[in-house]
Amino acid sequence: MYGIAVAALGMLSTIATGLAIDAYGPISDNAGGIAEMAGMSHRIRERTDALDAAGNTTAAIGKGFAIGSAALVSLALFGAFVSRAAITTVDVLTPKVFIGLIVGAMLPYWFSAMTMKSVGSAALKMVEEVRRQFNTIPGLMEGHAKPDYATCVKISTDASIKEMIPPGALVMLTPLIVGTFFGVETLSGVLAGALVSGVQIAISASNTGGAWDNAKKYIEAGASEHARTLGPKGSDPHKAAVIGDTVGDP
């Protein structure tokens, strides 16, 4: 456990660099969107696309460090819980422990589903607000009037705070409820199941999201013969890649 704690501390010591790397991608991505909406030249958009592609790569690296450090810290915390609860052995064939393993393995999927549903809910509210502004603000469609940016920003900010309350409550209350009503053995099963399942779903979601996120840029860049056969912007493969990019981001 001491070695695990030292390894986790070593990975967490790079957290400042990791956060900076992870924040680079969204900044360059938003810069490209601002350049396109401002009607800047095509050369500027090409430069921001190159920066965005580099940002996606750095974000993928940052996610790998985050997953590794989180797994090690979780394992160290599990060891601290076992030591504090004076648990020497845990029999997985015990019904209470086995049920705890199943419930714990289910929790990361439940948490992920809640967060992704929150993203979809916030996006739907944003779409409804944009449609409302197009219908109620004269001249907005023709570009003669300015949209109400503040309302859109408020929707995103409120959603980012409110929609994370249920997933946060799930993470905080589950160990308390299980430990209080079912005992430390069941809680040990829940924690072990959540740890193993959480690492697997984190690796899977990170790799899948990164692949979907970069598929659109792969088609747009046309850097290989296969990419050029998929067609330019507006083709069916490109439209499918745009949808994959939207799903891959969250």
Protein backbone atom coordinates (compact mmCIF):
# COMPACT_ATOMS: atom_id res chain seq x y z
CA MET A 1 0.00 0.00 0.00
CA TYR A 2 2.92 2.34 0.65
CA GLY A 3 4.19 1.79 -2.89
CA ILE A 4 0.72 2.43 -4.31
CA ALA A 5 0.45 5.66 -2.31
CA VAL A 6 3.87 6.83 -3.52
CA ALA A 7 2.95 6.03 -7.14
CA ALA A 8 -0.34 7.92 -6.80
CA LEU A 9 1.45 10.90 -5.27
CA GLY A 10 3.96 10.87 -8.11
CA MET A 11 1.21 10.98 -10.73
CA LEU A 12 -0.70 13.65 -8.84
CA SER A 13 2.43 15.81 -8.65
CA THR A 14 2.01 16.51 -12.37
CA ILE A 15 -1.59 17.68 -11.92
CA ALA A 16 -0.78 21.31 -12.77
CA THR A 17 0.74 20.32 -16.11
CA GLY A 18 -2.09 17.87 -16.74
CA LEU A 19 -4.77 20.48 -16.15
CA ALA A 20 -2.99 22.93 -18.45
CA ILE A 21 -2.72 20.28 -21.17
CA ASP A 22 -6.37 19.29 -20.76
CA ALA A 23 -7.54 22.91 -20.93
CA TYR A 24 -5.61 23.60 -24.14
CA GLY A 25 -8.01 21.59 -26.32
CA PRO A 26 -11.28 23.42 -25.51
CA ILE A 27 -9.55 26.81 -25.76
CA SER A 28 -8.23 26.15 -29.26
CA ASP A 29 -11.55 24.56 -30.27
CA ASN A 30 -13.51 27.61 -29.13
CA ALA A 31 -11.01 29.90 -30.87
CA GLY A 32 -11.83 28.16 -34.15
CA GLY A 33 -15.55 28.55 -33.57
CA ILE A 34 -15.15 32.25 -32.76
CA ALA A 35 -13.04 32.77 -35.89
CA GLU A 36 -15.67 31.10 -38.06
CA MET A 37 -18.58 33.02 -36.51
CA ALA A 38 -16.65 36.30 -36.85
CA GLY A 39 -16.21 35.71 -40.57
CA MET A 40 -12.42 35.66 -40.48
CA SER A 41 -10.34 34.40 -43.37
CA HIS A 42 -10.06 30.72 -44.23
CA ARG A 43 -6.35 30.73 -43.34
CA ILE A 44 -7.13 31.60 -39.72
CA ARG A 45 -9.61 28.74 -39.54
CA GLU A 46 -6.99 26.34 -40.88
CA ARG A 47 -4.54 27.44 -38.19
CA THR A 48 -7.10 27.06 -35.42
CA ASP A 49 -8.01 23.60 -36.77
CA ALA A 50 -4.35 22.59 -36.50
CA LEU A 51 -4.26 23.88 -32.93
CA ASP A 52 -7.52 22.07 -32.19
CA ALA A 53 -6.08 18.79 -33.48
CA ALA A 54 -3.05 19.25 -31.25
CA GLY A 55 -5.39 20.08 -28.38
CA ASN A 56 -7.27 16.82 -28.84
CA THR A 57 -3.99 14.93 -28.63
CA THR A 58 -2.92 16.71 -25.46
CA ALA A 59 -6.38 16.18 -23.96
CA ALA A 60 -6.09 12.44 -24.60
CA ILE A 61 -2.72 12.41 -22.82
CA GLY A 62 -4.20 14.30 -19.89
CA LYS A 63 -7.08 11.84 -19.63
CA GLY A 64 -4.65 8.94 -19.42
CA PHE A 65 -2.82 10.54 -16.50
CA ALA A 66 -6.12 11.37 -14.80
CA ILE A 67 -7.39 7.79 -15.09
CA GLY A 68 -4.14 6.29 -13.84
CA SER A 69 -3.83 8.60 -10.86
CA ALA A 70 -7.52 8.18 -9.96
CA ALA A 71 -7.18 4.39 -10.05
CA LEU A 72 -4.12 4.42 -7.79
CA VAL A 73 -5.67 6.87 -5.33
CA SER A 74 -8.88 4.80 -5.22
CA LEU A 75 -6.87 1.66 -4.52
CA ALA A 76 -4.97 3.43 -1.73
CA LEU A 77 -8.23 4.70 -0.21
CA PHE A 78 -9.68 1.20 -0.39
CA GLY A 79 -6.65 -0.09 1.48
CA ALA A 80 -7.12 2.61 4.10
CA PHE A 81 -10.78 1.62 4.48
CA VAL A 82 -9.89 -2.06 4.92
CA SER A 83 -7.27 -1.19 7.54
CA ARG A 84 -9.59 1.17 9.40
CA ALA A 85 -12.47 -1.32 9.40
CA ALA A 86 -10.11 -4.10 10.60
CA ILE A 87 -11.12 -6.39 7.74
CA THR A 88 -8.56 -9.16 7.30
CA THR A 89 -10.34 -11.32 4.71
CA VAL A 90 -13.41 -10.88 2.53
CA ASP A 91 -15.22 -13.97 1.25
CA VAL A 92 -16.65 -13.14 -2.19
CA LEU A 93 -18.96 -16.16 -1.93
CA THR A 94 -20.82 -14.50 0.93
CA PRO A 95 -24.17 -13.25 -0.41
CA LYS A 96 -23.72 -9.79 1.12
CA VAL A 97 -20.29 -9.30 -0.43
CA PHE A 98 -21.35 -10.71 -3.80
CA ILE A 99 -24.37 -8.41 -3.95
CA GLY A 100 -22.09 -5.52 -3.02
CA LEU A 101 -19.76 -6.39 -5.91
CA ILE A 102 -22.67 -6.37 -8.36
CA VAL A 103 -24.04 -3.07 -7.07
CA GLY A 104 -20.59 -1.50 -7.03
CA ALA A 105 -19.88 -2.59 -10.60
CA MET A 106 -23.18 -1.00 -11.65
CA LEU A 107 -22.48 2.40 -10.06
CA PRO A 108 -19.95 3.75 -12.64
CA TYR A 109 -22.37 2.97 -15.48
CA TRP A 110 -25.20 4.67 -13.59
CA PHE A 111 -23.01 7.69 -12.92
CA SER A 112 -21.93 7.88 -16.58
CA ALA A 113 -25.51 7.58 -17.78
CA MET A 114 -26.61 10.40 -15.49
CA THR A 115 -23.83 12.73 -16.65
CA MET A 116 -24.38 12.02 -20.36
CA LYS A 117 -28.12 12.50 -19.93
CA SER A 118 -27.37 15.83 -18.27
CA VAL A 119 -25.32 16.90 -21.30
CA GLY A 120 -28.20 16.01 -23.62
CA SER A 121 -30.70 17.84 -21.43
CA ALA A 122 -28.58 21.00 -21.35
CA ALA A 123 -28.03 20.84 -25.12
CA LEU A 124 -31.79 20.51 -25.70
CA LYS A 125 -32.44 23.59 -23.57
CA MET A 126 -29.83 25.48 -25.58
CA VAL A 127 -31.42 24.44 -28.88
CA GLU A 128 -34.84 25.57 -27.67
CA GLU A 129 -33.41 28.95 -26.63
CA VAL A 130 -31.69 29.43 -29.99
CA ARG A 131 -34.92 28.61 -31.81
CA ARG A 132 -36.80 31.05 -29.59
CA GLN A 133 -34.36 33.82 -30.40
CA PHE A 134 -34.59 33.14 -34.13
CA ASN A 135 -38.38 33.33 -33.93
CA THR A 136 -38.68 36.37 -31.66
CA ILE A 137 -35.73 38.65 -32.54
CA PRO A 138 -36.35 40.46 -35.85
CA GLY A 139 -33.44 40.42 -38.29
CA LEU A 140 -31.45 37.78 -36.40
CA MET A 141 -31.63 35.23 -39.20
CA GLU A 142 -30.36 37.79 -41.73
CA GLY A 143 -27.53 38.92 -39.44
CA HIS A 144 -28.92 42.41 -38.85
CA ALA A 145 -29.52 41.92 -35.11
CA LYS A 146 -27.42 40.60 -32.25
CA PRO A 147 -28.51 37.47 -30.36
CA ASP A 148 -28.99 37.30 -26.61
CA TYR A 149 -25.71 35.68 -25.59
CA ALA A 150 -26.30 36.15 -21.85
CA THR A 151 -29.30 33.81 -21.78
CA CYS A 152 -27.36 31.05 -23.55
CA VAL A 153 -24.43 31.42 -21.17
CA LYS A 154 -26.83 31.32 -18.21
CA ILE A 155 -28.40 28.08 -19.48
CA SER A 156 -24.98 26.43 -19.77
CA THR A 157 -23.81 27.69 -16.38
CA ASP A 158 -26.99 26.67 -14.55
CA ALA A 159 -26.98 23.24 -16.19
CA SER A 160 -23.32 22.61 -15.33
CA ILE A 161 -24.11 23.16 -11.64
CA LYS A 162 -27.63 21.78 -11.22
CA GLU A 163 -27.24 18.70 -13.39
CA MET A 164 -24.23 17.50 -11.40
CA ILE A 165 -26.13 17.39 -8.11
CA PRO A 166 -27.73 13.93 -8.68
CA PRO A 167 -24.47 12.24 -9.80
CA GLY A 168 -22.64 13.82 -6.87
CA ALA A 169 -25.32 12.65 -4.46
CA LEU A 170 -25.04 9.13 -5.91
CA VAL A 171 -21.31 9.02 -5.22
CA MET A 172 -21.55 10.56 -1.75
CA LEU A 173 -24.64 8.80 -0.38
CA THR A 174 -24.14 5.24 -1.69
CA PRO A 175 -21.24 4.33 0.66
CA LEU A 176 -23.03 5.94 3.61
CA ILE A 177 -26.28 4.06 2.99
CA VAL A 178 -24.61 0.72 2.28
CA GLY A 179 -22.26 0.96 5.26
CA THR A 180 -25.03 2.03 7.64
CA PHE A 181 -27.69 -0.51 6.68
CA PHE A 182 -25.71 -3.48 5.32
CA GLY A 183 -22.37 -3.43 7.12
CA VAL A 184 -18.71 -3.05 6.24
CA GLU A 185 -18.45 -6.35 4.36
CA THR A 186 -21.11 -5.32 1.86
CA LEU A 187 -19.50 -1.89 1.62
CA SER A 188 -16.14 -3.48 0.85
CA GLY A 189 -17.79 -5.37 -2.01
CA VAL A 190 -19.39 -2.17 -3.32
CA LEU A 191 -16.09 -0.28 -3.22
CA ALA A 192 -14.14 -3.09 -4.88
CA GLY A 193 -16.75 -3.52 -7.61
CA ALA A 194 -16.91 0.22 -8.27
CA LEU A 195 -13.11 0.46 -8.43
CA VAL A 196 -12.66 -2.33 -10.98
CA SER A 197 -15.66 -1.35 -13.08
CA GLY A 198 -14.84 2.36 -12.92
CA VAL A 199 -11.31 1.89 -14.26
CA GLN A 200 -12.55 -0.23 -17.16
CA ILE A 201 -15.33 2.15 -18.18
CA ALA A 202 -12.96 5.13 -17.86
CA ILE A 203 -10.43 3.57 -20.23
CA SER A 204 -13.14 2.47 -22.65
CA ALA A 205 -14.94 5.82 -22.65
CA SER A 206 -11.68 7.77 -23.04
CA ASN A 207 -10.48 5.73 -26.01
CA THR A 208 -13.89 5.62 -27.68
CA GLY A 209 -14.55 9.32 -27.20
CA GLY A 210 -11.10 10.23 -28.47
CA ALA A 211 -11.53 8.09 -31.59
CA TRP A 212 -14.96 9.57 -32.37
CA ASP A 213 -13.69 13.06 -31.65
CA ASN A 214 -10.77 12.73 -34.08
CA ALA A 215 -12.65 10.88 -36.84
CA LYS A 216 -14.13 14.15 -38.12
CA LYS A 217 -10.72 15.81 -38.31
CA TYR A 218 -9.31 12.74 -40.02
CA ILE A 219 -11.87 13.10 -42.81
CA GLU A 220 -11.54 16.88 -43.07
CA ALA A 221 -7.74 16.81 -43.23
CA GLY A 222 -7.65 14.19 -46.02
CA ALA A 223 -4.15 13.25 -44.95
CA SER A 224 -4.36 9.72 -46.37
CA GLU A 225 -5.86 8.00 -49.39
CA HIS A 226 -8.51 6.39 -47.23
CA ALA A 227 -9.50 9.76 -45.73
CA ARG A 228 -9.84 11.29 -49.20
CA THR A 229 -12.14 8.49 -50.33
CA LEU A 230 -14.54 9.32 -47.50
CA GLY A 231 -15.32 12.63 -49.15
CA PRO A 232 -15.11 16.34 -48.29
CA LYS A 233 -17.22 18.29 -45.83
CA GLY A 234 -20.91 17.63 -46.28
CA SER A 235 -20.55 14.02 -47.40
CA ASP A 236 -22.41 11.25 -45.60
CA PRO A 237 -19.27 9.92 -43.84
CA HIS A 238 -18.44 13.44 -42.72
CA LYS A 239 -21.97 13.98 -41.38
CA ALA A 240 -21.72 10.69 -39.48
CA ALA A 241 -18.33 11.78 -38.11
CA VAL A 242 -19.86 15.07 -36.92
CA ILE A 243 -22.48 13.11 -34.97
CA GLY A 244 -19.72 10.90 -33.57
CA ASP A 245 -17.78 14.01 -32.58
CA THR A 246 -20.83 15.33 -30.73
CA VAL A 247 -21.29 12.04 -28.87
CA GLY A 248 -17.57 11.58 -28.25
CA ASP A 249 -17.08 14.93 -26.51
CA PRO A 250 -19.04 14.11 -23.32
